Amino acid sequence: MKNLLFGLLASMLICSNLSGQTDEINKNNSWLKFGVNLGVPTGSINNISNFVGGLELKGQFMETDHVGIGLGVGYNHFFGKGVLGDFGTIPLGAFIRLYPNREGFFFGLDAGHSLVTNAGNLNGGFFVKPQLGYHNYNWNLFAFYNEVFRKPLNGGNIPHVGLGATYNIHFK
């Protein structure tokens, strides 16, 4: 519960510190991002899973021409090895994107709370997902590292690395 409160507080602070630049949401500065990602577990999780596939949906607001903020939700499915079962994570959080140019490289960070599904110990934890990628008006292609931080008693951390793509659904 402390992780959930910490994640929500951090997300609100990030968003509130960036507010004040633009005060009107419209089709030129806001859109939905729908994406997919593929990855491989790292750390001790790679002993029980060898592949991760995920989906994400985000709402982004361009605070300035170079800074985007928003909220997102997703699902990451960890495919179990052998007789071990599959499990998943559901990240709920906020994000920030830094776009130095209208088209080109970008830097991003997602953070919040991630729930765990279909595992013996369902305790989730705080997650971070730094990204480095390439963007244009319609697409974002990126590499990422994602880790859900949990206490060893709750099953330990759940890290993975991967590649992802999101499509920007612009409001008409």
C-alpha atoms as a PDB file:
ATOM      1  CA  MET A   1       0.000   0.000   0.000  1.00  0.00           C
ATOM      2  CA  LYS A   2       2.894   2.361   0.746  1.00  0.00           C
ATOM      3  CA  ASN A   3       4.233   1.718  -2.769  1.00  0.00           C
ATOM      4  CA  LEU A   4       0.876   2.601  -4.316  1.00  0.00           C
ATOM      5  CA  LEU A   5       0.641   5.842  -2.337  1.00  0.00           C
ATOM      6  CA  PHE A   6       4.259   6.717  -3.126  1.00  0.00           C
ATOM      7  CA  GLY A   7       3.719   6.061  -6.838  1.00  0.00           C
ATOM      8  CA  LEU A   8       0.554   8.157  -6.977  1.00  0.00           C
ATOM      9  CA  LEU A   9       2.200  10.995  -5.052  1.00  0.00           C
ATOM     10  CA  ALA A  10       5.253  10.966  -7.325  1.00  0.00           C
ATOM     11  CA  SER A  11       3.022  10.945 -10.407  1.00  0.00           C
ATOM     12  CA  MET A  12       0.990  13.892  -9.143  1.00  0.00           C
ATOM     13  CA  LEU A  13       4.135  15.873  -8.307  1.00  0.00           C
ATOM     14  CA  ILE A  14       5.578  15.285 -11.771  1.00  0.00           C
ATOM     15  CA  CYS A  15       2.362  16.402 -13.438  1.00  0.00           C
ATOM     16  CA  SER A  16       1.768  19.400 -11.160  1.00  0.00           C
ATOM     17  CA  ASN A  17       5.332  20.697 -11.549  1.00  0.00           C
ATOM     18  CA  LEU A  18       4.940  20.693 -15.320  1.00  0.00           C
ATOM     19  CA  SER A  19       1.536  22.399 -15.399  1.00  0.00           C
ATOM     20  CA  GLY A  20       1.097  26.038 -16.244  1.00  0.00           C
ATOM     21  CA  GLN A  21       2.573  26.113 -19.750  1.00  0.00           C
ATOM     22  CA  THR A  22      -0.597  25.319 -21.698  1.00  0.00           C
ATOM     23  CA  ASP A  23      -4.079  25.402 -20.247  1.00  0.00           C
ATOM     24  CA  GLU A  24      -6.253  24.154 -23.089  1.00  0.00           C
ATOM     25  CA  ILE A  25      -6.434  20.557 -24.240  1.00  0.00           C
ATOM     26  CA  ASN A  26      -7.169  20.293 -27.956  1.00  0.00           C
ATOM     27  CA  LYS A  27      -6.472  18.101 -30.992  1.00  0.00           C
ATOM     28  CA  ASN A  28      -3.120  19.815 -31.592  1.00  0.00           C
ATOM     29  CA  ASN A  29      -1.618  19.030 -28.195  1.00  0.00           C
ATOM     30  CA  SER A  30      -3.374  15.863 -26.972  1.00  0.00           C
ATOM     31  CA  TRP A  31      -3.814  12.321 -28.236  1.00  0.00           C
ATOM     32  CA  LEU A  32      -4.031   8.668 -27.278  1.00  0.00           C
ATOM     33  CA  LYS A  33      -1.105   6.300 -27.687  1.00  0.00           C
ATOM     34  CA  PHE A  34      -1.802   2.619 -28.326  1.00  0.00           C
ATOM     35  CA  GLY A  35       1.192   0.323 -28.285  1.00  0.00           C
ATOM     36  CA  VAL A  36       2.737  -3.109 -28.131  1.00  0.00           C
ATOM     37  CA  ASN A  37       6.035  -4.299 -26.720  1.00  0.00           C
ATOM     38  CA  LEU A  38       8.150  -7.436 -26.667  1.00  0.00           C
ATOM     39  CA  GLY A  39      10.852  -8.223 -24.169  1.00  0.00           C
ATOM     40  CA  VAL A  40      12.922 -10.693 -22.200  1.00  0.00           C
ATOM     41  CA  PRO A  41      12.998 -11.049 -18.409  1.00  0.00           C
ATOM     42  CA  THR A  42      16.255 -10.222 -16.643  1.00  0.00           C
ATOM     43  CA  GLY A  43      17.579 -11.081 -13.215  1.00  0.00           C
ATOM     44  CA  SER A  44      16.133 -14.049 -11.351  1.00  0.00           C
ATOM     45  CA  ILE A  45      12.807 -13.776 -13.236  1.00  0.00           C
ATOM     46  CA  ASN A  46      14.491 -15.247 -16.344  1.00  0.00           C
ATOM     47  CA  ASN A  47      14.602 -18.560 -14.413  1.00  0.00           C
ATOM     48  CA  ILE A  48      10.803 -18.812 -14.595  1.00  0.00           C
ATOM     49  CA  SER A  49       9.961 -16.865 -17.767  1.00  0.00           C
ATOM     50  CA  ASN A  50      11.697 -16.480 -21.120  1.00  0.00           C
ATOM     51  CA  PHE A  51       9.483 -14.011 -22.996  1.00  0.00           C
ATOM     52  CA  VAL A  52       7.263 -10.993 -22.283  1.00  0.00           C
ATOM     53  CA  GLY A  53       4.577  -9.489 -24.526  1.00  0.00           C
ATOM     54  CA  GLY A  54       2.633  -6.388 -23.645  1.00  0.00           C
ATOM     55  CA  LEU A  55       0.014  -3.806 -24.583  1.00  0.00           C
ATOM     56  CA  GLU A  56      -0.341  -0.215 -23.433  1.00  0.00           C
ATOM     57  CA  LEU A  57      -2.802   2.656 -23.716  1.00  0.00           C
ATOM     58  CA  LYS A  58      -1.800   6.193 -22.771  1.00  0.00           C
ATOM     59  CA  GLY A  59      -3.268   9.653 -22.909  1.00  0.00           C
ATOM     60  CA  GLN A  60      -0.655  12.312 -23.674  1.00  0.00           C
ATOM     61  CA  PHE A  61      -0.836  16.083 -23.316  1.00  0.00           C
ATOM     62  CA  MET A  62       1.939  18.247 -24.791  1.00  0.00           C
ATOM     63  CA  GLU A  63       2.749  20.640 -21.964  1.00  0.00           C
ATOM     64  CA  THR A  64       5.154  22.532 -24.260  1.00  0.00           C
ATOM     65  CA  ASP A  65       6.490  21.840 -27.758  1.00  0.00           C
ATOM     66  CA  HIS A  66       9.160  19.600 -26.204  1.00  0.00           C
ATOM     67  CA  VAL A  67       7.547  18.085 -23.084  1.00  0.00           C
ATOM     68  CA  GLY A  68       4.664  15.603 -23.043  1.00  0.00           C
ATOM     69  CA  ILE A  69       2.974  14.300 -19.889  1.00  0.00           C
ATOM     70  CA  GLY A  70       0.186  11.817 -19.341  1.00  0.00           C
ATOM     71  CA  LEU A  71      -1.361   8.799 -17.701  1.00  0.00           C
ATOM     72  CA  GLY A  72      -1.203   5.205 -18.842  1.00  0.00           C
ATOM     73  CA  VAL A  73      -2.300   1.652 -18.241  1.00  0.00           C
ATOM     74  CA  GLY A  74      -1.054  -1.586 -19.746  1.00  0.00           C
ATOM     75  CA  TYR A  75      -0.598  -5.303 -19.438  1.00  0.00           C
ATOM     76  CA  ASN A  76       2.629  -7.332 -19.639  1.00  0.00           C
ATOM     77  CA  HIS A  77       2.308 -11.102 -20.026  1.00  0.00           C
ATOM     78  CA  PHE A  78       5.251 -13.210 -18.807  1.00  0.00           C
ATOM     79  CA  PHE A  79       5.261 -16.620 -20.490  1.00  0.00           C
ATOM     80  CA  GLY A  80       6.340 -19.324 -18.007  1.00  0.00           C
ATOM     81  CA  LYS A  81       9.075 -21.854 -18.725  1.00  0.00           C
ATOM     82  CA  GLY A  82       8.166 -25.543 -18.781  1.00  0.00           C
ATOM     83  CA  VAL A  83       5.531 -26.426 -16.185  1.00  0.00           C
ATOM     84  CA  LEU A  84       5.696 -22.995 -14.548  1.00  0.00           C
ATOM     85  CA  GLY A  85       2.609 -20.917 -15.179  1.00  0.00           C
ATOM     86  CA  ASP A  86       2.282 -17.613 -16.963  1.00  0.00           C
ATOM     87  CA  PHE A  87       1.731 -14.418 -14.979  1.00  0.00           C
ATOM     88  CA  GLY A  88       1.217 -10.762 -15.753  1.00  0.00           C
ATOM     89  CA  THR A  89       1.728  -7.221 -14.541  1.00  0.00           C
ATOM     90  CA  ILE A  90      -0.684  -4.308 -14.919  1.00  0.00           C
ATOM     91  CA  PRO A  91       1.168  -0.968 -14.734  1.00  0.00           C
ATOM     92  CA  LEU A  92      -0.899   2.073 -13.725  1.00  0.00           C
ATOM     93  CA  GLY A  93       1.008   5.333 -13.742  1.00  0.00           C
ATOM     94  CA  ALA A  94       2.089   8.655 -15.140  1.00  0.00           C
ATOM     95  CA  PHE A  95       4.746   9.451 -17.705  1.00  0.00           C
ATOM     96  CA  ILE A  96       6.883  12.247 -19.060  1.00  0.00           C
ATOM     97  CA  ARG A  97       8.436  12.491 -22.536  1.00  0.00           C
ATOM     98  CA  LEU A  98      11.178  14.893 -23.611  1.00  0.00           C
ATOM     99  CA  TYR A  99      11.192  15.605 -27.356  1.00  0.00           C
ATOM    100  CA  PRO A 100      14.238  17.734 -28.320  1.00  0.00           C
ATOM    101  CA  ASN A 101      12.922  18.067 -31.915  1.00  0.00           C
ATOM    102  CA  ARG A 102       9.563  17.659 -33.669  1.00  0.00           C
ATOM    103  CA  GLU A 103      10.885  14.433 -35.162  1.00  0.00           C
ATOM    104  CA  GLY A 104      13.814  12.374 -33.942  1.00  0.00           C
ATOM    105  CA  PHE A 105      15.043  10.922 -30.684  1.00  0.00           C
ATOM    106  CA  PHE A 106      13.120  11.186 -27.428  1.00  0.00           C
ATOM    107  CA  PHE A 107      13.632  10.281 -23.786  1.00  0.00           C
ATOM    108  CA  GLY A 108      10.847   9.053 -21.538  1.00  0.00           C
ATOM    109  CA  LEU A 109      10.050   7.777 -18.086  1.00  0.00           C
ATOM    110  CA  ASP A 110       6.925   5.945 -16.903  1.00  0.00           C
ATOM    111  CA  ALA A 111       6.386   5.458 -13.160  1.00  0.00           C
ATOM    112  CA  GLY A 112       3.600   4.304 -10.878  1.00  0.00           C
ATOM    113  CA  HIS A 113       2.203   1.139  -9.325  1.00  0.00           C
ATOM    114  CA  SER A 114       2.072  -2.251 -11.026  1.00  0.00           C
ATOM    115  CA  LEU A 115      -0.316  -5.020 -10.023  1.00  0.00           C
ATOM    116  CA  VAL A 116       0.680  -8.688 -10.437  1.00  0.00           C
ATOM    117  CA  THR A 117      -1.783 -11.271 -11.790  1.00  0.00           C
ATOM    118  CA  ASN A 118      -1.935 -15.079 -11.830  1.00  0.00           C
ATOM    119  CA  ALA A 119       0.981 -15.626  -9.450  1.00  0.00           C
ATOM    120  CA  GLY A 120       1.100 -17.281  -6.042  1.00  0.00           C
ATOM    121  CA  ASN A 121       1.994 -13.962  -4.437  1.00  0.00           C
ATOM    122  CA  LEU A 122      -0.123 -11.227  -6.008  1.00  0.00           C
ATOM    123  CA  ASN A 123       1.594  -8.288  -4.296  1.00  0.00           C
ATOM    124  CA  GLY A 124       2.586  -5.644  -6.807  1.00  0.00           C
ATOM    125  CA  GLY A 125       4.945  -2.752  -6.357  1.00  0.00           C
ATOM    126  CA  PHE A 126       6.327   0.537  -7.599  1.00  0.00           C
ATOM    127  CA  PHE A 127       7.525   0.422 -11.219  1.00  0.00           C
ATOM    128  CA  VAL A 128       9.800   2.536 -13.386  1.00  0.00           C
ATOM    129  CA  LYS A 129      10.212   2.280 -17.140  1.00  0.00           C
ATOM    130  CA  PRO A 130      12.895   4.533 -18.684  1.00  0.00           C
ATOM    131  CA  GLN A 131      12.829   4.700 -22.497  1.00  0.00           C
ATOM    132  CA  LEU A 132      14.960   5.926 -25.367  1.00  0.00           C
ATOM    133  CA  GLY A 133      13.423   6.038 -28.794  1.00  0.00           C
ATOM    134  CA  TYR A 134      12.598   7.670 -32.104  1.00  0.00           C
ATOM    135  CA  HIS A 135       9.344   9.527 -32.828  1.00  0.00           C
ATOM    136  CA  ASN A 136       7.459  11.251 -35.606  1.00  0.00           C
ATOM    137  CA  TYR A 137       3.920  12.630 -35.839  1.00  0.00           C
ATOM    138  CA  ASN A 138       2.272   9.180 -35.817  1.00  0.00           C
ATOM    139  CA  TRP A 139       4.727   6.665 -34.303  1.00  0.00           C
ATOM    140  CA  ASN A 140       7.097   6.139 -31.381  1.00  0.00           C
ATOM    141  CA  LEU A 141       9.649   3.306 -31.559  1.00  0.00           C
ATOM    142  CA  PHE A 142      11.665   2.726 -28.395  1.00  0.00           C
ATOM    143  CA  ALA A 143      13.890   0.518 -26.265  1.00  0.00           C
ATOM    144  CA  PHE A 144      13.084   0.269 -22.566  1.00  0.00           C
ATOM    145  CA  TYR A 145      13.939  -1.217 -19.211  1.00  0.00           C
ATOM    146  CA  ASN A 146      10.994  -1.989 -16.916  1.00  0.00           C
ATOM    147  CA  GLU A 147      11.233  -3.053 -13.285  1.00  0.00           C
ATOM    148  CA  VAL A 148       8.558  -3.660 -10.674  1.00  0.00           C
ATOM    149  CA  PHE A 149      10.132  -3.220  -7.231  1.00  0.00           C
ATOM    150  CA  ARG A 150       8.855  -5.701  -4.638  1.00  0.00           C
ATOM    151  CA  LYS A 151      10.180  -6.940  -1.324  1.00  0.00           C
ATOM    152  CA  PRO A 152      11.884 -10.366  -1.347  1.00  0.00           C
ATOM    153  CA  LEU A 153       9.050 -11.664   0.852  1.00  0.00           C
ATOM    154  CA  ASN A 154       6.608 -10.649  -1.916  1.00  0.00           C
ATOM    155  CA  GLY A 155       8.508 -12.594  -4.585  1.00  0.00           C
ATOM    156  CA  GLY A 156      11.252 -10.093  -5.429  1.00  0.00           C
ATOM    157  CA  ASN A 157      11.584  -7.603  -8.244  1.00  0.00           C
ATOM    158  CA  ILE A 158      10.216  -8.231 -11.744  1.00  0.00           C
ATOM    159  CA  PRO A 159      12.574  -6.698 -14.364  1.00  0.00           C
ATOM    160  CA  HIS A 160      12.618  -6.972 -18.140  1.00  0.00           C
ATOM    161  CA  VAL A 161      14.094  -5.197 -21.181  1.00  0.00           C
ATOM    162  CA  GLY A 162      12.535  -4.858 -24.584  1.00  0.00           C
ATOM    163  CA  LEU A 163      11.445  -2.976 -27.660  1.00  0.00           C
ATOM    164  CA  GLY A 164       8.119  -1.255 -28.166  1.00  0.00           C
ATOM    165  CA  ALA A 165       6.060   0.832 -30.551  1.00  0.00           C
ATOM    166  CA  THR A 166       3.117   3.150 -29.986  1.00  0.00           C
ATOM    167  CA  TYR A 167       0.770   4.661 -32.544  1.00  0.00           C
ATOM    168  CA  ASN A 168      -0.572   8.147 -31.875  1.00  0.00           C
ATOM    169  CA  ILE A 169      -4.350   8.345 -32.285  1.00  0.00           C
ATOM    170  CA  HIS A 170      -4.988  12.065 -32.902  1.00  0.00           C
ATOM    171  CA  PHE A 171      -8.307  13.671 -32.083  1.00  0.00           C
ATOM    172  CA  LYS A 172     -10.083  15.054 -35.157  1.00  0.00           C
END
